[in-house]
Amino acid sequence: MPTGALHWLGCGYAALVTSGGITGCADAGNGPPLAAGLLFGGLAGLGAYQLSQDPRNVWVFRAMSGTLAGIMGVRFYHSGKFMPAGLIAGASLLMVTKLEVSIMLNRPHQSQSCPSLNS
């Protein structure tokens, strides 16, 4: 997978998380959703930047996406509202899955020699 494609996907995810915080602030009329959206969106942006520099550097992005998937998944479970909790939980879960697949595909393959069966 080209690094640029994952970078742009990560930037889009960061924008989605940030806009979710802004929307949550506008709906709730208080600051905590905005602060959380800016924090997690900023971490997602940092993770996307790190991925563009080194495709193996997934740790910030992986931890942030997993945490956000858990938090918003619980909120979605209790509220039953797709917007914004379900959307962010789903997008975060997809991002975690994408990162895990990238880790597996970028893992160096070691050749293992099998002992001879006739010896």
N, C-alpha and C. Protein backbone atom coordinates (compact mmCIF):
# COMPACT_ATOMS: atom_id res chain seq x y z
N MET A 1 0.85 -1.19 0.00
CA MET A 1 0.00 0.00 0.00
C MET A 1 0.88 1.23 0.00
N PRO A 2 0.61 2.20 -0.88
CA PRO A 2 1.40 3.42 -0.89
C PRO A 2 1.19 4.21 0.38
N THR A 3 2.27 4.81 0.86
CA THR A 3 2.21 5.57 2.10
C THR A 3 1.28 6.75 1.98
N GLY A 4 1.28 7.44 0.86
CA GLY A 4 0.45 8.62 0.67
C GLY A 4 -1.03 8.34 0.84
N ALA A 5 -1.49 7.18 0.39
CA ALA A 5 -2.91 6.85 0.50
C ALA A 5 -3.32 6.73 1.96
N LEU A 6 -2.50 6.09 2.76
CA LEU A 6 -2.81 5.96 4.17
C LEU A 6 -2.73 7.31 4.87
N HIS A 7 -1.80 8.13 4.45
CA HIS A 7 -1.66 9.48 5.00
C HIS A 7 -2.93 10.29 4.75
N TRP A 8 -3.43 10.27 3.53
CA TRP A 8 -4.64 11.05 3.23
C TRP A 8 -5.86 10.49 3.95
N LEU A 9 -5.93 9.20 4.07
CA LEU A 9 -7.02 8.60 4.83
C LEU A 9 -6.95 9.02 6.30
N GLY A 10 -5.74 9.05 6.84
CA GLY A 10 -5.54 9.50 8.22
C GLY A 10 -5.90 10.96 8.41
N CYS A 11 -5.56 11.79 7.43
CA CYS A 11 -5.92 13.21 7.51
C CYS A 11 -7.43 13.40 7.45
N GLY A 12 -8.10 12.63 6.61
CA GLY A 12 -9.56 12.69 6.54
C GLY A 12 -10.20 12.25 7.85
N TYR A 13 -9.64 11.21 8.45
CA TYR A 13 -10.13 10.74 9.75
C TYR A 13 -9.92 11.81 10.82
N ALA A 14 -8.76 12.46 10.81
CA ALA A 14 -8.49 13.54 11.77
C ALA A 14 -9.48 14.68 11.60
N ALA A 15 -9.80 15.02 10.35
CA ALA A 15 -10.78 16.08 10.09
C ALA A 15 -12.17 15.67 10.57
N LEU A 16 -12.52 14.40 10.37
CA LEU A 16 -13.83 13.90 10.84
C LEU A 16 -13.93 13.99 12.36
N VAL A 17 -12.89 13.57 13.05
CA VAL A 17 -12.89 13.61 14.52
C VAL A 17 -12.98 15.05 15.01
N THR A 18 -12.21 15.92 14.42
CA THR A 18 -12.23 17.33 14.83
C THR A 18 -13.59 17.96 14.56
N SER A 19 -14.16 17.70 13.39
CA SER A 19 -15.47 18.27 13.09
C SER A 19 -16.55 17.68 13.99
N GLY A 20 -16.37 16.43 14.41
CA GLY A 20 -17.31 15.83 15.37
C GLY A 20 -17.27 16.57 16.70
N GLY A 21 -16.09 16.97 17.14
CA GLY A 21 -15.97 17.76 18.37
C GLY A 21 -16.61 19.12 18.24
N ILE A 22 -16.44 19.75 17.09
CA ILE A 22 -17.04 21.07 16.86
C ILE A 22 -18.56 20.94 16.83
N THR A 23 -19.06 19.92 16.14
CA THR A 23 -20.51 19.69 16.08
C THR A 23 -21.07 19.38 17.46
N GLY A 24 -20.35 18.55 18.22
CA GLY A 24 -20.79 18.22 19.57
C GLY A 24 -20.84 19.44 20.47
N CYS A 25 -19.90 20.35 20.30
CA CYS A 25 -19.89 21.59 21.08
C CYS A 25 -21.08 22.46 20.70
N ALA A 26 -21.37 22.54 19.41
CA ALA A 26 -22.50 23.35 18.96
C ALA A 26 -23.82 22.78 19.46
N ASP A 27 -23.94 21.44 19.47
CA ASP A 27 -25.18 20.81 19.94
C ASP A 27 -25.35 20.91 21.46
N ALA A 28 -24.25 20.66 22.19
CA ALA A 28 -24.34 20.63 23.65
C ALA A 28 -24.26 22.02 24.26
N GLY A 29 -23.62 22.93 23.56
CA GLY A 29 -23.49 24.29 24.07
C GLY A 29 -22.44 24.44 25.15
N ASN A 30 -21.54 23.45 25.27
CA ASN A 30 -20.46 23.58 26.25
C ASN A 30 -19.15 23.11 25.63
N GLY A 31 -18.05 23.29 26.36
CA GLY A 31 -16.72 23.08 25.81
C GLY A 31 -16.14 21.68 25.79
N PRO A 32 -16.53 20.75 26.67
CA PRO A 32 -15.84 19.44 26.67
C PRO A 32 -15.85 18.70 25.34
N PRO A 33 -16.95 18.66 24.58
CA PRO A 33 -16.86 17.97 23.28
C PRO A 33 -15.86 18.63 22.33
N LEU A 34 -15.77 19.96 22.38
CA LEU A 34 -14.82 20.66 21.54
C LEU A 34 -13.39 20.32 21.94
N ALA A 35 -13.12 20.34 23.24
CA ALA A 35 -11.78 20.01 23.72
C ALA A 35 -11.40 18.58 23.34
N ALA A 36 -12.32 17.65 23.52
CA ALA A 36 -12.04 16.25 23.17
C ALA A 36 -11.84 16.10 21.66
N GLY A 37 -12.66 16.77 20.86
CA GLY A 37 -12.52 16.70 19.42
C GLY A 37 -11.20 17.27 18.94
N LEU A 38 -10.79 18.39 19.53
CA LEU A 38 -9.51 18.99 19.16
C LEU A 38 -8.33 18.12 19.61
N LEU A 39 -8.43 17.55 20.81
CA LEU A 39 -7.36 16.69 21.31
C LEU A 39 -7.21 15.44 20.44
N PHE A 40 -8.31 14.71 20.26
CA PHE A 40 -8.23 13.48 19.48
C PHE A 40 -7.97 13.76 18.00
N GLY A 41 -8.53 14.83 17.47
CA GLY A 41 -8.26 15.20 16.09
C GLY A 41 -6.80 15.58 15.88
N GLY A 42 -6.24 16.29 16.84
CA GLY A 42 -4.82 16.64 16.77
C GLY A 42 -3.93 15.42 16.84
N LEU A 43 -4.28 14.48 17.74
CA LEU A 43 -3.50 13.24 17.82
C LEU A 43 -3.63 12.41 16.54
N ALA A 44 -4.83 12.42 15.94
CA ALA A 44 -5.01 11.70 14.67
C ALA A 44 -4.18 12.36 13.57
N GLY A 45 -4.13 13.68 13.57
CA GLY A 45 -3.30 14.39 12.59
C GLY A 45 -1.82 14.08 12.79
N LEU A 46 -1.38 14.04 14.05
CA LEU A 46 0.01 13.67 14.34
C LEU A 46 0.29 12.25 13.88
N GLY A 47 -0.64 11.35 14.15
CA GLY A 47 -0.47 9.96 13.71
C GLY A 47 -0.41 9.85 12.20
N ALA A 48 -1.23 10.61 11.49
CA ALA A 48 -1.21 10.59 10.03
C ALA A 48 0.13 11.13 9.51
N TYR A 49 0.63 12.16 10.15
CA TYR A 49 1.94 12.70 9.75
C TYR A 49 3.04 11.67 9.98
N GLN A 50 3.01 11.02 11.16
CA GLN A 50 4.02 10.00 11.44
C GLN A 50 3.96 8.85 10.44
N LEU A 51 2.76 8.47 10.05
CA LEU A 51 2.62 7.41 9.05
C LEU A 51 3.19 7.83 7.70
N SER A 52 3.07 9.11 7.36
CA SER A 52 3.60 9.56 6.08
C SER A 52 5.13 9.55 6.10
N GLN A 53 5.72 9.66 7.28
CA GLN A 53 7.17 9.63 7.40
C GLN A 53 7.72 8.20 7.46
N ASP A 54 6.99 7.32 8.17
CA ASP A 54 7.43 5.93 8.33
C ASP A 54 6.19 5.06 8.52
N PRO A 55 5.87 4.20 7.56
CA PRO A 55 4.65 3.39 7.64
C PRO A 55 4.62 2.44 8.84
N ARG A 56 5.77 2.21 9.48
CA ARG A 56 5.78 1.33 10.65
C ARG A 56 5.50 2.08 11.95
N ASN A 57 5.46 3.41 11.89
CA ASN A 57 5.26 4.23 13.09
C ASN A 57 3.76 4.46 13.30
N VAL A 58 3.08 3.44 13.80
CA VAL A 58 1.62 3.49 13.93
C VAL A 58 1.16 3.68 15.36
N TRP A 59 2.06 3.78 16.30
CA TRP A 59 1.69 3.64 17.72
C TRP A 59 0.78 4.75 18.22
N VAL A 60 1.05 6.01 17.90
CA VAL A 60 0.17 7.10 18.35
C VAL A 60 -1.20 6.95 17.71
N PHE A 61 -1.21 6.72 16.41
CA PHE A 61 -2.47 6.60 15.67
C PHE A 61 -3.28 5.39 16.15
N ARG A 62 -2.58 4.31 16.41
CA ARG A 62 -3.24 3.07 16.86
C ARG A 62 -3.86 3.25 18.24
N ALA A 63 -3.10 3.84 19.16
CA ALA A 63 -3.60 4.05 20.52
C ALA A 63 -4.77 5.04 20.53
N MET A 64 -4.65 6.11 19.76
CA MET A 64 -5.71 7.11 19.72
C MET A 64 -6.98 6.54 19.10
N SER A 65 -6.85 5.84 17.99
CA SER A 65 -8.02 5.27 17.32
C SER A 65 -8.70 4.21 18.17
N GLY A 66 -7.91 3.37 18.82
CA GLY A 66 -8.47 2.34 19.69
C GLY A 66 -9.19 2.93 20.89
N THR A 67 -8.58 3.94 21.49
CA THR A 67 -9.21 4.61 22.64
C THR A 67 -10.51 5.27 22.22
N LEU A 68 -10.49 5.98 21.11
CA LEU A 68 -11.69 6.66 20.65
C LEU A 68 -12.78 5.67 20.24
N ALA A 69 -12.39 4.55 19.63
CA ALA A 69 -13.37 3.52 19.28
C ALA A 69 -14.05 2.99 20.54
N GLY A 70 -13.27 2.77 21.59
CA GLY A 70 -13.85 2.28 22.84
C GLY A 70 -14.77 3.29 23.51
N ILE A 71 -14.31 4.52 23.64
CA ILE A 71 -15.10 5.56 24.29
C ILE A 71 -16.41 5.81 23.54
N MET A 72 -16.29 6.02 22.23
CA MET A 72 -17.49 6.34 21.46
C MET A 72 -18.37 5.11 21.26
N GLY A 73 -17.77 3.93 21.26
CA GLY A 73 -18.57 2.71 21.18
C GLY A 73 -19.46 2.54 22.40
N VAL A 74 -18.93 2.84 23.57
CA VAL A 74 -19.73 2.77 24.80
C VAL A 74 -20.82 3.83 24.78
N ARG A 75 -20.47 5.03 24.34
CA ARG A 75 -21.49 6.09 24.25
C ARG A 75 -22.59 5.72 23.27
N PHE A 76 -22.23 5.12 22.14
CA PHE A 76 -23.21 4.69 21.15
C PHE A 76 -24.09 3.58 21.72
N TYR A 77 -23.49 2.65 22.44
CA TYR A 77 -24.23 1.55 23.04
C TYR A 77 -25.28 2.06 24.02
N HIS A 78 -24.90 3.03 24.84
CA HIS A 78 -25.83 3.55 25.85
C HIS A 78 -26.87 4.51 25.28
N SER A 79 -26.50 5.29 24.28
CA SER A 79 -27.44 6.28 23.74
C SER A 79 -28.25 5.75 22.57
N GLY A 80 -27.68 4.85 21.79
CA GLY A 80 -28.35 4.35 20.60
C GLY A 80 -28.37 5.36 19.46
N LYS A 81 -27.70 6.49 19.62
CA LYS A 81 -27.68 7.53 18.60
C LYS A 81 -26.46 7.36 17.70
N PHE A 82 -26.74 7.29 16.40
CA PHE A 82 -25.65 7.12 15.45
C PHE A 82 -24.77 8.36 15.37
N MET A 83 -25.39 9.52 15.43
CA MET A 83 -24.63 10.77 15.33
C MET A 83 -24.42 11.37 16.69
N PRO A 84 -23.25 11.73 17.07
CA PRO A 84 -21.98 11.49 16.42
C PRO A 84 -21.28 10.21 16.92
N ALA A 85 -21.77 9.65 18.04
CA ALA A 85 -21.03 8.56 18.69
C ALA A 85 -20.87 7.34 17.79
N GLY A 86 -21.92 6.91 17.12
CA GLY A 86 -21.85 5.73 16.28
C GLY A 86 -20.95 5.94 15.07
N LEU A 87 -21.02 7.12 14.48
CA LEU A 87 -20.19 7.43 13.32
C LEU A 87 -18.71 7.42 13.69
N ILE A 88 -18.37 8.09 14.78
CA ILE A 88 -16.96 8.17 15.20
C ILE A 88 -16.47 6.79 15.67
N ALA A 89 -17.32 6.05 16.38
CA ALA A 89 -16.94 4.70 16.82
C ALA A 89 -16.67 3.80 15.61
N GLY A 90 -17.54 3.86 14.61
CA GLY A 90 -17.36 3.05 13.41
C GLY A 90 -16.13 3.45 12.63
N ALA A 91 -15.93 4.75 12.46
CA ALA A 91 -14.75 5.23 11.73
C ALA A 91 -13.47 4.86 12.47
N SER A 92 -13.49 4.95 13.80
CA SER A 92 -12.32 4.60 14.60
C SER A 92 -12.03 3.11 14.51
N LEU A 93 -13.08 2.31 14.54
CA LEU A 93 -12.89 0.86 14.42
C LEU A 93 -12.33 0.50 13.06
N LEU A 94 -12.81 1.15 12.02
CA LEU A 94 -12.26 0.92 10.68
C LEU A 94 -10.80 1.34 10.60
N MET A 95 -10.46 2.45 11.25
CA MET A 95 -9.08 2.92 11.23
C MET A 95 -8.16 1.95 11.97
N VAL A 96 -8.61 1.44 13.12
CA VAL A 96 -7.82 0.46 13.85
C VAL A 96 -7.61 -0.78 12.99
N THR A 97 -8.66 -1.23 12.32
CA THR A 97 -8.55 -2.40 11.45
C THR A 97 -7.57 -2.14 10.32
N LYS A 98 -7.65 -0.96 9.71
CA LYS A 98 -6.73 -0.61 8.62
C LYS A 98 -5.30 -0.58 9.12
N LEU A 99 -5.07 -0.04 10.31
CA LEU A 99 -3.72 0.00 10.85
C LEU A 99 -3.18 -1.40 11.14
N GLU A 100 -4.04 -2.25 11.67
CA GLU A 100 -3.61 -3.63 11.95
C GLU A 100 -3.26 -4.36 10.66
N VAL A 101 -4.05 -4.17 9.63
CA VAL A 101 -3.74 -4.80 8.34
C VAL A 101 -2.42 -4.25 7.80
N SER A 102 -2.20 -2.95 7.93
CA SER A 102 -0.95 -2.35 7.47
C SER A 102 0.24 -2.92 8.23
N ILE A 103 0.08 -3.12 9.53
CA ILE A 103 1.16 -3.71 10.32
C ILE A 103 1.49 -5.10 9.81
N MET A 104 0.46 -5.89 9.55
CA MET A 104 0.68 -7.26 9.08
C MET A 104 1.32 -7.26 7.69
N LEU A 105 0.92 -6.35 6.83
CA LEU A 105 1.48 -6.33 5.48
C LEU A 105 2.90 -5.77 5.44
N ASN A 106 3.25 -4.89 6.37
CA ASN A 106 4.59 -4.29 6.39
C ASN A 106 5.57 -5.06 7.25
N ARG A 107 5.13 -6.13 7.86
CA ARG A 107 6.01 -6.93 8.71
C ARG A 107 7.06 -7.60 7.84
N PRO A 108 8.33 -7.51 8.25
CA PRO A 108 9.36 -8.17 7.45
C PRO A 108 9.19 -9.69 7.51
N HIS A 109 9.34 -10.31 6.38
CA HIS A 109 9.20 -11.76 6.31
C HIS A 109 10.57 -12.39 6.49
N GLN A 110 10.65 -13.36 7.37
CA GLN A 110 11.89 -14.08 7.59
C GLN A 110 11.78 -15.44 6.93
N SER A 111 12.79 -15.77 6.19
CA SER A 111 12.77 -17.09 5.57
C SER A 111 13.28 -18.10 6.59
N GLN A 112 12.54 -19.13 6.75
CA GLN A 112 12.92 -20.19 7.67
C GLN A 112 13.23 -21.43 6.86
N SER A 113 14.39 -21.96 7.10
CA SER A 113 14.72 -23.17 6.37
C SER A 113 14.18 -24.36 7.15
N CYS A 114 13.56 -25.24 6.45
CA CYS A 114 12.99 -26.45 7.05
C CYS A 114 14.05 -27.54 7.05
N PRO A 115 14.15 -28.26 8.13
CA PRO A 115 15.12 -29.36 8.13
C PRO A 115 14.69 -30.43 7.13
N SER A 116 15.65 -31.07 6.60
CA SER A 116 15.38 -32.10 5.62
C SER A 116 14.69 -33.27 6.26
N LEU A 117 13.69 -33.78 5.61
CA LEU A 117 12.94 -34.91 6.15
C LEU A 117 13.73 -36.22 6.05
N ASN A 118 14.71 -36.27 5.14
CA ASN A 118 15.47 -37.49 4.93
C ASN A 118 16.69 -37.59 5.82
N SER A 119 17.02 -36.59 6.61
CA SER A 119 18.23 -36.68 7.40
C SER A 119 18.04 -37.29 8.76
